[in-house]
Amino acid sequence: MLIGDFIGHIALWGSDCTNSRRRQIEQFISDKCLCLLNEKAYFHEPARTFHSLDMAICSPSLLPLLNFRVESYLYNSDHFPLIISYADGTCVTQLPQRYLFPRAGWPTLSQLAMITETVVVSDNIDEAIKTVTDHIISAGDA
């Protein structure tokens, strides 16, 4: 996702104004198969015209997941803030679990993660790998 003040009046949503950046931005969006989240609204307080210098550009896969709106309060700026949120109201990103290796109690972890013949009881390699992996992760979580 790209969000910024691109100083380009874009005709994609009806801007009558043109400038030299417009073609570059439209070409970039077209070449990269991107989507413009903006809607027809003014974002620049001094001009109060239906154009946008501030743009939000995203991939086609993100487009149906996002809502876009323009905040009506300026917050001491000359640009209205762009508000982008998840369409379903939740965040879909979950960070992977991380371990602090320098703080690990290695002797205890080694004992808890001991792999013996009784840990692996399956002849199926995929099941055996999953069992060993789960055993090690369980030891790390202890």
N, C-alpha and C. Protein backbone atom coordinates (compact mmCIF):
# COMPACT_ATOMS: atom_id res chain seq x y z
N MET A 1 0.85 -1.16 0.00
CA MET A 1 0.00 0.00 0.00
C MET A 1 0.90 1.23 0.00
N LEU A 2 0.56 2.18 -0.84
CA LEU A 2 1.26 3.46 -0.90
C LEU A 2 0.27 4.55 -0.52
N ILE A 3 0.66 5.40 0.41
CA ILE A 3 -0.18 6.51 0.81
C ILE A 3 0.71 7.74 0.86
N GLY A 4 0.26 8.82 0.24
CA GLY A 4 1.08 10.02 0.30
C GLY A 4 0.53 11.18 -0.48
N ASP A 5 1.24 12.29 -0.40
CA ASP A 5 0.93 13.50 -1.14
C ASP A 5 1.71 13.43 -2.44
N PHE A 6 1.07 12.95 -3.49
CA PHE A 6 1.75 12.72 -4.77
C PHE A 6 1.69 13.92 -5.70
N ILE A 7 1.04 14.99 -5.28
CA ILE A 7 0.92 16.23 -6.06
C ILE A 7 0.53 15.94 -7.50
N GLY A 8 -0.48 15.11 -7.65
CA GLY A 8 -0.95 14.77 -8.99
C GLY A 8 -2.46 14.74 -9.04
N HIS A 9 -3.03 15.52 -9.93
CA HIS A 9 -4.48 15.53 -10.11
C HIS A 9 -4.85 14.37 -11.02
N ILE A 10 -5.60 13.42 -10.53
CA ILE A 10 -5.87 12.19 -11.26
C ILE A 10 -7.28 12.21 -11.84
N ALA A 11 -7.36 11.89 -13.12
CA ALA A 11 -8.65 11.87 -13.82
C ALA A 11 -9.43 10.58 -13.55
N LEU A 12 -8.81 9.62 -12.89
CA LEU A 12 -9.46 8.33 -12.66
C LEU A 12 -10.77 8.46 -11.91
N TRP A 13 -10.95 9.50 -11.10
CA TRP A 13 -12.22 9.69 -10.41
C TRP A 13 -12.84 11.04 -10.74
N GLY A 14 -12.47 11.59 -11.91
CA GLY A 14 -13.20 12.75 -12.41
C GLY A 14 -12.54 14.10 -12.26
N SER A 15 -11.26 14.16 -11.96
CA SER A 15 -10.60 15.45 -11.84
C SER A 15 -10.49 16.09 -13.22
N ASP A 16 -10.91 17.35 -13.32
CA ASP A 16 -10.79 18.07 -14.58
C ASP A 16 -9.42 18.71 -14.72
N CYS A 17 -8.73 18.83 -13.62
CA CYS A 17 -7.44 19.49 -13.59
C CYS A 17 -6.35 18.52 -14.05
N THR A 18 -5.37 19.03 -14.73
CA THR A 18 -4.26 18.17 -15.15
C THR A 18 -2.95 18.81 -14.73
N ASN A 19 -1.97 17.99 -14.48
CA ASN A 19 -0.61 18.47 -14.27
C ASN A 19 0.34 17.39 -14.76
N SER A 20 1.63 17.69 -14.74
CA SER A 20 2.61 16.78 -15.34
C SER A 20 2.72 15.45 -14.61
N ARG A 21 2.42 15.42 -13.33
CA ARG A 21 2.52 14.16 -12.58
C ARG A 21 1.35 13.23 -12.85
N ARG A 22 0.25 13.78 -13.29
CA ARG A 22 -0.95 12.96 -13.48
C ARG A 22 -0.68 11.76 -14.37
N ARG A 23 -0.07 12.00 -15.50
CA ARG A 23 0.21 10.89 -16.43
C ARG A 23 1.14 9.86 -15.80
N GLN A 24 2.16 10.33 -15.10
CA GLN A 24 3.11 9.40 -14.47
C GLN A 24 2.40 8.52 -13.44
N ILE A 25 1.56 9.12 -12.62
CA ILE A 25 0.86 8.36 -11.59
C ILE A 25 -0.14 7.39 -12.21
N GLU A 26 -0.91 7.86 -13.18
CA GLU A 26 -1.87 6.98 -13.85
C GLU A 26 -1.16 5.83 -14.54
N GLN A 27 -0.01 6.11 -15.17
CA GLN A 27 0.75 5.06 -15.86
C GLN A 27 1.29 4.05 -14.85
N PHE A 28 1.79 4.54 -13.72
CA PHE A 28 2.30 3.66 -12.67
C PHE A 28 1.20 2.73 -12.16
N ILE A 29 0.03 3.30 -11.87
CA ILE A 29 -1.10 2.50 -11.39
C ILE A 29 -1.50 1.46 -12.43
N SER A 30 -1.52 1.86 -13.69
CA SER A 30 -1.89 0.95 -14.77
C SER A 30 -0.83 -0.13 -14.99
N ASP A 31 0.44 0.27 -15.07
CA ASP A 31 1.53 -0.69 -15.32
C ASP A 31 1.64 -1.75 -14.23
N LYS A 32 1.43 -1.35 -13.00
CA LYS A 32 1.59 -2.27 -11.87
C LYS A 32 0.27 -2.94 -11.47
N CYS A 33 -0.80 -2.68 -12.24
CA CYS A 33 -2.13 -3.25 -11.95
C CYS A 33 -2.55 -2.96 -10.50
N LEU A 34 -2.47 -1.71 -10.12
CA LEU A 34 -2.82 -1.29 -8.77
C LEU A 34 -4.20 -0.66 -8.74
N CYS A 35 -4.70 -0.43 -7.56
CA CYS A 35 -6.03 0.17 -7.38
C CYS A 35 -5.90 1.46 -6.58
N LEU A 36 -6.70 2.43 -6.94
CA LEU A 36 -6.74 3.70 -6.23
C LEU A 36 -7.93 3.67 -5.28
N LEU A 37 -7.67 3.86 -4.00
CA LEU A 37 -8.74 3.82 -3.00
C LEU A 37 -9.54 5.12 -2.95
N ASN A 38 -8.96 6.20 -3.42
CA ASN A 38 -9.61 7.51 -3.31
C ASN A 38 -10.99 7.54 -3.93
N GLU A 39 -11.79 8.43 -3.40
CA GLU A 39 -13.11 8.67 -3.97
C GLU A 39 -13.18 10.15 -4.33
N LYS A 40 -14.23 10.55 -4.97
CA LYS A 40 -14.35 11.93 -5.43
C LYS A 40 -14.65 12.84 -4.24
N ALA A 41 -13.62 13.45 -3.70
CA ALA A 41 -13.76 14.37 -2.57
C ALA A 41 -12.56 15.29 -2.55
N TYR A 42 -12.71 16.46 -1.93
CA TYR A 42 -11.55 17.34 -1.85
C TYR A 42 -10.75 17.02 -0.60
N PHE A 43 -9.44 17.14 -0.73
CA PHE A 43 -8.55 16.80 0.36
C PHE A 43 -7.65 17.97 0.72
N HIS A 44 -7.69 19.03 -0.06
CA HIS A 44 -6.80 20.15 0.13
C HIS A 44 -7.63 21.36 0.51
N GLU A 45 -7.55 21.78 1.75
CA GLU A 45 -8.41 22.83 2.30
C GLU A 45 -8.36 24.14 1.53
N PRO A 46 -7.18 24.69 1.18
CA PRO A 46 -7.19 25.99 0.51
C PRO A 46 -7.95 25.99 -0.81
N ALA A 47 -7.84 24.93 -1.59
CA ALA A 47 -8.47 24.90 -2.91
C ALA A 47 -9.95 24.54 -2.84
N ARG A 48 -10.31 23.63 -1.93
CA ARG A 48 -11.69 23.13 -1.80
C ARG A 48 -12.29 22.73 -3.15
N THR A 49 -11.50 22.02 -3.93
CA THR A 49 -11.98 21.53 -5.22
C THR A 49 -11.96 20.01 -5.19
N PHE A 50 -12.65 19.41 -6.16
CA PHE A 50 -12.72 17.95 -6.21
C PHE A 50 -11.50 17.39 -6.90
N HIS A 51 -10.41 17.38 -6.20
CA HIS A 51 -9.18 16.75 -6.66
C HIS A 51 -8.44 16.25 -5.43
N SER A 52 -7.47 15.43 -5.66
CA SER A 52 -6.73 14.91 -4.53
C SER A 52 -5.25 14.90 -4.84
N LEU A 53 -4.50 15.51 -3.97
CA LEU A 53 -3.05 15.39 -4.03
C LEU A 53 -2.62 14.21 -3.17
N ASP A 54 -3.41 13.92 -2.15
CA ASP A 54 -3.14 12.79 -1.27
C ASP A 54 -3.84 11.57 -1.84
N MET A 55 -3.09 10.50 -1.98
CA MET A 55 -3.66 9.30 -2.59
C MET A 55 -3.33 8.06 -1.77
N ALA A 56 -4.19 7.09 -1.88
CA ALA A 56 -3.98 5.78 -1.28
C ALA A 56 -4.09 4.76 -2.41
N ILE A 57 -3.00 4.04 -2.63
CA ILE A 57 -2.91 3.07 -3.72
C ILE A 57 -2.63 1.71 -3.10
N CYS A 58 -3.32 0.67 -3.58
CA CYS A 58 -3.11 -0.66 -3.02
C CYS A 58 -3.19 -1.72 -4.11
N SER A 59 -2.88 -2.94 -3.74
CA SER A 59 -2.97 -4.07 -4.66
C SER A 59 -4.44 -4.48 -4.80
N PRO A 60 -4.78 -5.14 -5.91
CA PRO A 60 -6.16 -5.61 -6.09
C PRO A 60 -6.62 -6.57 -4.99
N SER A 61 -5.69 -7.33 -4.42
CA SER A 61 -6.08 -8.28 -3.37
C SER A 61 -6.48 -7.56 -2.07
N LEU A 62 -5.94 -6.37 -1.83
CA LEU A 62 -6.30 -5.62 -0.63
C LEU A 62 -7.59 -4.81 -0.79
N LEU A 63 -7.91 -4.42 -2.01
CA LEU A 63 -9.03 -3.51 -2.26
C LEU A 63 -10.34 -3.95 -1.59
N PRO A 64 -10.79 -5.20 -1.73
CA PRO A 64 -12.07 -5.56 -1.11
C PRO A 64 -12.00 -5.66 0.42
N LEU A 65 -10.81 -5.66 0.98
CA LEU A 65 -10.66 -5.79 2.43
C LEU A 65 -10.65 -4.45 3.15
N LEU A 66 -10.60 -3.34 2.39
CA LEU A 66 -10.39 -2.03 3.00
C LEU A 66 -11.56 -1.08 2.80
N ASN A 67 -11.73 -0.19 3.76
CA ASN A 67 -12.65 0.94 3.65
C ASN A 67 -11.81 2.20 3.59
N PHE A 68 -12.27 3.17 2.84
CA PHE A 68 -11.56 4.43 2.67
C PHE A 68 -12.52 5.58 2.94
N ARG A 69 -12.06 6.55 3.71
CA ARG A 69 -12.86 7.76 3.91
C ARG A 69 -11.92 8.92 4.21
N VAL A 70 -12.47 10.10 4.10
CA VAL A 70 -11.71 11.31 4.37
C VAL A 70 -12.23 11.91 5.67
N GLU A 71 -11.34 12.14 6.61
CA GLU A 71 -11.71 12.77 7.87
C GLU A 71 -12.16 14.20 7.60
N SER A 72 -13.16 14.66 8.31
CA SER A 72 -13.70 16.00 8.05
C SER A 72 -13.00 17.09 8.87
N TYR A 73 -12.18 16.72 9.83
CA TYR A 73 -11.46 17.69 10.64
C TYR A 73 -10.02 17.77 10.17
N LEU A 74 -9.47 18.97 10.08
CA LEU A 74 -8.12 19.17 9.53
C LEU A 74 -6.98 18.88 10.51
N TYR A 75 -7.21 18.96 11.79
CA TYR A 75 -6.15 18.76 12.79
C TYR A 75 -4.94 19.66 12.52
N ASN A 76 -5.19 20.95 12.28
CA ASN A 76 -4.15 21.96 12.03
C ASN A 76 -3.29 21.66 10.81
N SER A 77 -3.85 21.04 9.81
CA SER A 77 -3.15 20.76 8.56
C SER A 77 -3.92 21.41 7.42
N ASP A 78 -3.32 21.46 6.24
CA ASP A 78 -4.07 21.94 5.08
C ASP A 78 -4.54 20.78 4.22
N HIS A 79 -4.35 19.55 4.71
CA HIS A 79 -4.83 18.35 4.04
C HIS A 79 -5.75 17.60 4.99
N PHE A 80 -6.88 17.15 4.49
CA PHE A 80 -7.76 16.33 5.30
C PHE A 80 -7.14 14.94 5.44
N PRO A 81 -7.13 14.36 6.64
CA PRO A 81 -6.56 13.02 6.82
C PRO A 81 -7.34 11.95 6.06
N LEU A 82 -6.61 11.00 5.51
CA LEU A 82 -7.20 9.84 4.86
C LEU A 82 -7.31 8.74 5.90
N ILE A 83 -8.48 8.14 6.03
CA ILE A 83 -8.70 7.08 7.01
C ILE A 83 -8.91 5.77 6.24
N ILE A 84 -8.03 4.82 6.48
CA ILE A 84 -8.13 3.50 5.84
C ILE A 84 -8.28 2.48 6.95
N SER A 85 -9.32 1.66 6.85
CA SER A 85 -9.57 0.65 7.87
C SER A 85 -9.96 -0.66 7.20
N TYR A 86 -9.92 -1.73 7.99
CA TYR A 86 -10.36 -3.01 7.47
C TYR A 86 -11.88 -3.00 7.32
N ALA A 87 -12.37 -3.55 6.25
CA ALA A 87 -13.81 -3.56 5.96
C ALA A 87 -14.59 -4.31 7.03
N ASP A 88 -14.03 -5.37 7.58
CA ASP A 88 -14.75 -6.14 8.60
C ASP A 88 -14.43 -5.67 10.02
N GLY A 89 -13.63 -4.63 10.16
CA GLY A 89 -13.34 -4.06 11.46
C GLY A 89 -12.26 -4.76 12.26
N THR A 90 -11.69 -5.80 11.72
CA THR A 90 -10.65 -6.51 12.45
C THR A 90 -9.34 -6.45 11.69
N CYS A 91 -8.28 -6.64 12.40
CA CYS A 91 -6.95 -6.69 11.80
C CYS A 91 -6.65 -8.15 11.48
N VAL A 92 -6.24 -8.42 10.26
CA VAL A 92 -6.00 -9.81 9.86
C VAL A 92 -4.54 -10.23 10.05
N THR A 93 -3.70 -9.32 10.47
CA THR A 93 -2.29 -9.63 10.61
C THR A 93 -2.01 -10.17 12.01
N GLN A 94 -1.36 -11.29 12.07
CA GLN A 94 -0.93 -11.84 13.34
C GLN A 94 0.57 -12.05 13.25
N LEU A 95 1.30 -11.46 14.17
CA LEU A 95 2.74 -11.59 14.16
C LEU A 95 3.13 -12.98 14.64
N PRO A 96 4.17 -13.55 14.03
CA PRO A 96 4.61 -14.88 14.47
C PRO A 96 5.22 -14.80 15.87
N GLN A 97 5.11 -15.91 16.59
CA GLN A 97 5.69 -15.98 17.92
C GLN A 97 7.20 -15.94 17.80
N ARG A 98 7.83 -15.22 18.72
CA ARG A 98 9.29 -15.12 18.72
C ARG A 98 9.81 -15.56 20.08
N TYR A 99 11.01 -16.13 20.06
CA TYR A 99 11.64 -16.57 21.29
C TYR A 99 12.89 -15.74 21.54
N LEU A 100 13.17 -15.44 22.80
CA LEU A 100 14.36 -14.69 23.18
C LEU A 100 15.45 -15.70 23.53
N PHE A 101 16.23 -16.08 22.53
CA PHE A 101 17.23 -17.13 22.70
C PHE A 101 18.28 -16.82 23.76
N PRO A 102 18.75 -15.56 23.88
CA PRO A 102 19.75 -15.30 24.92
C PRO A 102 19.22 -15.52 26.34
N ARG A 103 17.90 -15.46 26.53
CA ARG A 103 17.31 -15.63 27.87
C ARG A 103 16.85 -17.06 28.14
N ALA A 104 17.05 -17.94 27.21
CA ALA A 104 16.56 -19.31 27.36
C ALA A 104 17.31 -20.03 28.48
N GLY A 105 16.59 -20.81 29.24
CA GLY A 105 17.21 -21.68 30.23
C GLY A 105 17.58 -22.98 29.52
N TRP A 106 18.75 -22.99 28.90
CA TRP A 106 19.11 -24.09 28.00
C TRP A 106 19.12 -25.46 28.66
N PRO A 107 19.62 -25.63 29.87
CA PRO A 107 19.58 -26.98 30.47
C PRO A 107 18.14 -27.49 30.64
N THR A 108 17.24 -26.62 31.12
CA THR A 108 15.84 -27.02 31.30
C THR A 108 15.19 -27.29 29.95
N LEU A 109 15.44 -26.40 28.99
CA LEU A 109 14.87 -26.57 27.65
C LEU A 109 15.35 -27.88 27.03
N SER A 110 16.63 -28.19 27.19
CA SER A 110 17.17 -29.43 26.63
C SER A 110 16.48 -30.66 27.23
N GLN A 111 16.21 -30.62 28.52
CA GLN A 111 15.52 -31.75 29.16
C GLN A 111 14.08 -31.86 28.68
N LEU A 112 13.39 -30.71 28.60
CA LEU A 112 11.99 -30.72 28.16
C LEU A 112 11.85 -31.12 26.70
N ALA A 113 12.85 -30.78 25.90
CA ALA A 113 12.78 -31.04 24.47
C ALA A 113 13.44 -32.36 24.08
N MET A 114 13.79 -33.17 25.04
CA MET A 114 14.46 -34.45 24.76
C MET A 114 13.57 -35.31 23.87
N ILE A 115 14.10 -35.69 22.73
CA ILE A 115 13.36 -36.52 21.78
C ILE A 115 13.78 -37.98 22.01
N THR A 116 12.82 -38.79 22.39
CA THR A 116 13.08 -40.21 22.63
C THR A 116 12.21 -41.05 21.70
N GLU A 117 12.43 -42.34 21.73
CA GLU A 117 11.64 -43.24 20.88
C GLU A 117 10.16 -43.20 21.26
N THR A 118 9.87 -42.90 22.50
CA THR A 118 8.46 -42.87 22.93
C THR A 118 7.74 -41.60 22.45
N VAL A 119 8.51 -40.56 22.10
CA VAL A 119 7.89 -39.33 21.58
C VAL A 119 7.38 -39.57 20.17
N VAL A 120 8.17 -40.26 19.37
CA VAL A 120 7.79 -40.51 17.97
C VAL A 120 7.26 -41.93 17.87
N VAL A 121 5.94 -42.05 17.73
CA VAL A 121 5.32 -43.37 17.68
C VAL A 121 4.73 -43.67 16.30
N SER A 122 4.79 -42.72 15.39
CA SER A 122 4.19 -42.90 14.07
C SER A 122 5.25 -43.31 13.04
N ASP A 123 4.85 -44.16 12.11
CA ASP A 123 5.73 -44.53 11.00
C ASP A 123 5.62 -43.53 9.85
N ASN A 124 4.60 -42.69 9.88
CA ASN A 124 4.41 -41.68 8.85
C ASN A 124 5.37 -40.52 9.11
N ILE A 125 6.22 -40.19 8.13
CA ILE A 125 7.25 -39.17 8.32
C ILE A 125 6.65 -37.80 8.61
N ASP A 126 5.55 -37.44 7.93
CA ASP A 126 4.93 -36.14 8.17
C ASP A 126 4.40 -36.02 9.60
N GLU A 127 3.77 -37.08 10.08
CA GLU A 127 3.27 -37.08 11.45
C GLU A 127 4.42 -37.04 12.45
N ALA A 128 5.50 -37.77 12.16
CA ALA A 128 6.66 -37.79 13.05
C ALA A 128 7.30 -36.40 13.14
N ILE A 129 7.45 -35.72 12.00
CA ILE A 129 8.03 -34.37 11.99
C ILE A 129 7.14 -33.41 12.77
N LYS A 130 5.84 -33.51 12.58
CA LYS A 130 4.91 -32.64 13.31
C LYS A 130 5.00 -32.91 14.81
N THR A 131 5.07 -34.16 15.19
CA THR A 131 5.17 -34.51 16.61
C THR A 131 6.44 -33.95 17.23
N VAL A 132 7.57 -34.11 16.55
CA VAL A 132 8.85 -33.60 17.06
C VAL A 132 8.80 -32.07 17.14
N THR A 133 8.30 -31.43 16.09
CA THR A 133 8.20 -29.96 16.08
C THR A 133 7.32 -29.47 17.21
N ASP A 134 6.15 -30.08 17.38
CA ASP A 134 5.24 -29.70 18.47
C ASP A 134 5.89 -29.90 19.84
N HIS A 135 6.66 -30.97 19.98
CA HIS A 135 7.35 -31.28 21.24
C HIS A 135 8.37 -30.18 21.57
N ILE A 136 9.14 -29.77 20.57
CA ILE A 136 10.15 -28.72 20.77
C ILE A 136 9.49 -27.38 21.08
N ILE A 137 8.44 -27.05 20.35
CA ILE A 137 7.73 -25.78 20.60
C ILE A 137 7.10 -25.79 21.99
N SER A 138 6.54 -26.91 22.38
CA SER A 138 5.95 -27.03 23.72
C SER A 138 7.01 -26.82 24.80
N ALA A 139 8.19 -27.36 24.58
CA ALA A 139 9.29 -27.16 25.53
C ALA A 139 9.70 -25.69 25.58
N GLY A 140 9.73 -25.04 24.44
CA GLY A 140 10.08 -23.61 24.40
C GLY A 140 9.05 -22.73 25.06
N ASP A 141 7.79 -23.15 25.01
CA ASP A 141 6.71 -22.38 25.62
C ASP A 141 6.64 -22.56 27.13
N ALA A 142 7.28 -23.63 27.64
CA ALA A 142 7.19 -23.95 29.08
C ALA A 142 7.98 -22.97 29.93
